Amino acid sequence: MKYTHLLPFMDKEELKKTAIAVINGDLKGVKLGVLFAFLGREAMDEVVNLLIEKKDSVHLKRAIPFMSIEKVQKLYEAAEKGEIKDFNPTVCLPFLGSDEIKKIFGELIKKASMEVNDDEESDEEDDDDDEDIEDLEDEK
């Protein structure tokens, strides 16, 4: 028999201790990802906090479907800040709430609009330079 056959019957606290032991390297041979579905909300939150602290991008990606929306949002924000190496924050998008998606969309639209305005101002400055050159040529 495999340990995975017993997971549905195990106490969530015992599974959390097992997951933490795996994360800390105290327990080998147990696949952390198979524990996620059986941890429950509170235990999963604790495990995710530890994974974020350890910046474990591989297991964080696997844990996303089992996280609360709040934890996914926390993970997204940490990834956006670059706090978790090799973690693309876009993998969080399908698991974020609609309000958060709208907020992110609004921020990206605002940023894109500001970039366009900056580009237009640079173009205008370039146009002014062209006029100055033309004025100098006319003076010759």
C-alpha atoms as a PDB file:
ATOM      1  CA  MET A   1       0.000   0.000   0.000  1.00  0.00           C
ATOM      2  CA  LYS A   2       1.136   3.569  -0.667  1.00  0.00           C
ATOM      3  CA  TYR A   3       0.888   6.469   1.748  1.00  0.00           C
ATOM      4  CA  THR A   4      -1.212   8.328  -0.810  1.00  0.00           C
ATOM      5  CA  HIS A   5      -4.040   5.806  -0.290  1.00  0.00           C
ATOM      6  CA  LEU A   6      -4.354   6.983   3.323  1.00  0.00           C
ATOM      7  CA  LEU A   7      -4.388  10.728   2.672  1.00  0.00           C
ATOM      8  CA  PRO A   8      -8.193  11.107   2.580  1.00  0.00           C
ATOM      9  CA  PHE A   9      -8.424   9.520   6.031  1.00  0.00           C
ATOM     10  CA  MET A  10      -5.678  11.479   7.742  1.00  0.00           C
ATOM     11  CA  ASP A  11      -6.174  14.317  10.200  1.00  0.00           C
ATOM     12  CA  LYS A  12      -5.507  17.733   8.631  1.00  0.00           C
ATOM     13  CA  GLU A  13      -3.138  18.678  11.444  1.00  0.00           C
ATOM     14  CA  GLU A  14      -1.026  15.557  10.817  1.00  0.00           C
ATOM     15  CA  LEU A  15      -0.949  16.329   7.103  1.00  0.00           C
ATOM     16  CA  LYS A  16       0.112  19.911   7.825  1.00  0.00           C
ATOM     17  CA  LYS A  17       2.984  18.674  10.005  1.00  0.00           C
ATOM     18  CA  THR A  18       4.000  16.305   7.218  1.00  0.00           C
ATOM     19  CA  ALA A  19       3.902  19.105   4.643  1.00  0.00           C
ATOM     20  CA  ILE A  20       5.991  21.394   6.835  1.00  0.00           C
ATOM     21  CA  ALA A  21       8.531  18.602   7.387  1.00  0.00           C
ATOM     22  CA  VAL A  22       8.789  18.132   3.607  1.00  0.00           C
ATOM     23  CA  ILE A  23       9.224  21.873   3.019  1.00  0.00           C
ATOM     24  CA  ASN A  24      11.908  22.107   5.705  1.00  0.00           C
ATOM     25  CA  GLY A  25      13.747  19.127   4.235  1.00  0.00           C
ATOM     26  CA  ASP A  26      13.204  16.959   7.310  1.00  0.00           C
ATOM     27  CA  LEU A  27      11.189  14.383   5.372  1.00  0.00           C
ATOM     28  CA  LYS A  28      12.237  12.915   2.035  1.00  0.00           C
ATOM     29  CA  GLY A  29      10.337  10.805  -0.454  1.00  0.00           C
ATOM     30  CA  VAL A  30       6.959  12.449   0.132  1.00  0.00           C
ATOM     31  CA  LYS A  31       5.584  14.521  -2.726  1.00  0.00           C
ATOM     32  CA  LEU A  32       4.352  17.776  -1.280  1.00  0.00           C
ATOM     33  CA  GLY A  33       1.938  18.408  -4.140  1.00  0.00           C
ATOM     34  CA  VAL A  34      -0.184  15.339  -3.336  1.00  0.00           C
ATOM     35  CA  LEU A  35      -0.820  16.668   0.160  1.00  0.00           C
ATOM     36  CA  PHE A  36      -2.337  19.969  -0.989  1.00  0.00           C
ATOM     37  CA  ALA A  37      -5.790  18.611  -1.818  1.00  0.00           C
ATOM     38  CA  PHE A  38      -6.155  17.152   1.682  1.00  0.00           C
ATOM     39  CA  LEU A  39      -4.823  19.955   3.874  1.00  0.00           C
ATOM     40  CA  GLY A  40      -7.911  22.109   4.339  1.00  0.00           C
ATOM     41  CA  ARG A  41      -8.063  25.904   4.226  1.00  0.00           C
ATOM     42  CA  GLU A  42      -6.235  26.852   7.431  1.00  0.00           C
ATOM     43  CA  ALA A  43      -3.452  24.303   7.067  1.00  0.00           C
ATOM     44  CA  MET A  44      -3.027  25.217   3.406  1.00  0.00           C
ATOM     45  CA  ASP A  45      -2.700  28.899   4.346  1.00  0.00           C
ATOM     46  CA  GLU A  46       0.085  28.054   6.782  1.00  0.00           C
ATOM     47  CA  VAL A  47       1.863  25.879   4.233  1.00  0.00           C
ATOM     48  CA  VAL A  48       1.583  28.609   1.582  1.00  0.00           C
ATOM     49  CA  ASN A  49       2.989  31.187   4.013  1.00  0.00           C
ATOM     50  CA  LEU A  50       5.993  28.944   4.542  1.00  0.00           C
ATOM     51  CA  LEU A  51       6.410  28.374   0.798  1.00  0.00           C
ATOM     52  CA  ILE A  52       6.287  32.128   0.188  1.00  0.00           C
ATOM     53  CA  GLU A  53       8.813  32.679   2.965  1.00  0.00           C
ATOM     54  CA  LYS A  54      11.110  30.060   1.419  1.00  0.00           C
ATOM     55  CA  LYS A  55      10.436  31.500  -2.072  1.00  0.00           C
ATOM     56  CA  ASP A  56       9.659  27.998  -3.354  1.00  0.00           C
ATOM     57  CA  SER A  57       8.272  28.878  -6.782  1.00  0.00           C
ATOM     58  CA  VAL A  58       7.872  25.263  -7.934  1.00  0.00           C
ATOM     59  CA  HIS A  59       5.577  24.220  -5.086  1.00  0.00           C
ATOM     60  CA  LEU A  60       3.785  27.565  -5.047  1.00  0.00           C
ATOM     61  CA  LYS A  61       2.732  27.045  -8.668  1.00  0.00           C
ATOM     62  CA  ARG A  62       1.364  23.609  -7.773  1.00  0.00           C
ATOM     63  CA  ALA A  63      -0.426  24.937  -4.698  1.00  0.00           C
ATOM     64  CA  ILE A  64      -2.359  27.735  -6.409  1.00  0.00           C
ATOM     65  CA  PRO A  65      -5.533  25.712  -7.161  1.00  0.00           C
ATOM     66  CA  PHE A  66      -5.821  24.828  -3.468  1.00  0.00           C
ATOM     67  CA  MET A  67      -5.209  28.316  -2.069  1.00  0.00           C
ATOM     68  CA  SER A  68      -7.767  30.802  -0.882  1.00  0.00           C
ATOM     69  CA  ILE A  69      -8.310  33.817  -3.122  1.00  0.00           C
ATOM     70  CA  GLU A  70      -6.639  35.948  -0.451  1.00  0.00           C
ATOM     71  CA  LYS A  71      -3.511  33.790  -0.506  1.00  0.00           C
ATOM     72  CA  VAL A  72      -3.392  33.806  -4.294  1.00  0.00           C
ATOM     73  CA  GLN A  73      -3.607  37.593  -4.166  1.00  0.00           C
ATOM     74  CA  LYS A  74      -0.767  37.729  -1.616  1.00  0.00           C
ATOM     75  CA  LEU A  75       1.293  35.453  -3.843  1.00  0.00           C
ATOM     76  CA  TYR A  76       0.506  37.567  -6.916  1.00  0.00           C
ATOM     77  CA  GLU A  77       1.601  40.736  -5.130  1.00  0.00           C
ATOM     78  CA  ALA A  78       4.838  39.138  -3.921  1.00  0.00           C
ATOM     79  CA  ALA A  79       5.582  37.882  -7.422  1.00  0.00           C
ATOM     80  CA  GLU A  80       4.824  41.291  -8.958  1.00  0.00           C
ATOM     81  CA  LYS A  81       7.346  42.852  -6.581  1.00  0.00           C
ATOM     82  CA  GLY A  82       9.914  40.282  -7.713  1.00  0.00           C
ATOM     83  CA  GLU A  83      10.130  38.695  -4.274  1.00  0.00           C
ATOM     84  CA  ILE A  84       9.854  35.151  -5.651  1.00  0.00           C
ATOM     85  CA  LYS A  85      12.477  34.239  -8.214  1.00  0.00           C
ATOM     86  CA  ASP A  86      11.356  32.331 -11.324  1.00  0.00           C
ATOM     87  CA  PHE A  87       7.679  32.890 -10.579  1.00  0.00           C
ATOM     88  CA  ASN A  88       5.507  34.413 -13.275  1.00  0.00           C
ATOM     89  CA  PRO A  89       2.625  36.228 -11.557  1.00  0.00           C
ATOM     90  CA  THR A  90       0.297  35.612 -14.521  1.00  0.00           C
ATOM     91  CA  VAL A  91      -0.199  31.999 -13.356  1.00  0.00           C
ATOM     92  CA  CYS A  92      -2.250  33.461 -10.497  1.00  0.00           C
ATOM     93  CA  LEU A  93      -4.741  35.267 -12.729  1.00  0.00           C
ATOM     94  CA  PRO A  94      -7.296  32.448 -13.189  1.00  0.00           C
ATOM     95  CA  PHE A  95      -7.500  32.067  -9.409  1.00  0.00           C
ATOM     96  CA  LEU A  96      -7.912  35.710  -8.430  1.00  0.00           C
ATOM     97  CA  GLY A  97     -11.278  37.269  -7.686  1.00  0.00           C
ATOM     98  CA  SER A  98     -13.012  39.358 -10.326  1.00  0.00           C
ATOM     99  CA  ASP A  99     -12.510  42.565  -8.316  1.00  0.00           C
ATOM    100  CA  GLU A 100      -8.756  41.974  -8.196  1.00  0.00           C
ATOM    101  CA  ILE A 101      -8.670  41.214 -11.937  1.00  0.00           C
ATOM    102  CA  LYS A 102     -10.512  44.494 -12.623  1.00  0.00           C
ATOM    103  CA  LYS A 103      -8.060  46.355 -10.374  1.00  0.00           C
ATOM    104  CA  ILE A 104      -5.045  44.858 -12.170  1.00  0.00           C
ATOM    105  CA  PHE A 105      -6.623  45.631 -15.535  1.00  0.00           C
ATOM    106  CA  GLY A 106      -7.238  49.255 -14.502  1.00  0.00           C
ATOM    107  CA  GLU A 107      -3.641  49.635 -13.325  1.00  0.00           C
ATOM    108  CA  LEU A 108      -2.279  48.184 -16.565  1.00  0.00           C
ATOM    109  CA  ILE A 109      -4.507  50.438 -18.667  1.00  0.00           C
ATOM    110  CA  LYS A 110      -3.390  53.466 -16.677  1.00  0.00           C
ATOM    111  CA  LYS A 111       0.265  52.457 -17.069  1.00  0.00           C
ATOM    112  CA  ALA A 112      -0.161  51.912 -20.817  1.00  0.00           C
ATOM    113  CA  SER A 113      -1.844  55.301 -21.138  1.00  0.00           C
ATOM    114  CA  MET A 114       1.003  56.987 -19.268  1.00  0.00           C
ATOM    115  CA  GLU A 115       3.567  55.292 -21.518  1.00  0.00           C
ATOM    116  CA  VAL A 116       1.751  56.520 -24.618  1.00  0.00           C
ATOM    117  CA  ASN A 117       1.670  60.053 -23.203  1.00  0.00           C
ATOM    118  CA  ASP A 118       5.394  59.870 -22.463  1.00  0.00           C
ATOM    119  CA  ASP A 119       6.057  58.659 -26.007  1.00  0.00           C
ATOM    120  CA  GLU A 120       3.954  61.494 -27.458  1.00  0.00           C
ATOM    121  CA  GLU A 121       5.833  64.057 -25.373  1.00  0.00           C
ATOM    122  CA  SER A 122       9.153  62.655 -26.616  1.00  0.00           C
ATOM    123  CA  ASP A 123       7.871  62.859 -30.183  1.00  0.00           C
ATOM    124  CA  GLU A 124       6.822  66.476 -29.598  1.00  0.00           C
ATOM    125  CA  GLU A 125      10.267  67.266 -28.201  1.00  0.00           C
ATOM    126  CA  ASP A 126      11.820  65.624 -31.255  1.00  0.00           C
ATOM    127  CA  ASP A 127       9.571  67.754 -33.485  1.00  0.00           C
ATOM    128  CA  ASP A 128      10.774  70.875 -31.677  1.00  0.00           C
ATOM    129  CA  ASP A 129      14.362  69.808 -32.359  1.00  0.00           C
ATOM    130  CA  ASP A 130      13.546  69.397 -36.055  1.00  0.00           C
ATOM    131  CA  GLU A 131      12.100  72.922 -36.148  1.00  0.00           C
ATOM    132  CA  ASP A 132      15.260  74.296 -34.508  1.00  0.00           C
ATOM    133  CA  ILE A 133      17.393  72.586 -37.142  1.00  0.00           C
ATOM    134  CA  GLU A 134      15.199  73.979 -39.917  1.00  0.00           C
ATOM    135  CA  ASP A 135      15.518  77.500 -38.423  1.00  0.00           C
ATOM    136  CA  LEU A 136      19.312  77.156 -38.371  1.00  0.00           C
ATOM    137  CA  GLU A 137      19.358  76.012 -41.988  1.00  0.00           C
ATOM    138  CA  ASP A 138      17.169  78.951 -43.002  1.00  0.00           C
ATOM    139  CA  GLU A 139      19.602  81.377 -41.312  1.00  0.00           C
ATOM    140  CA  LYS A 140      22.499  80.056 -43.414  1.00  0.00           C
END
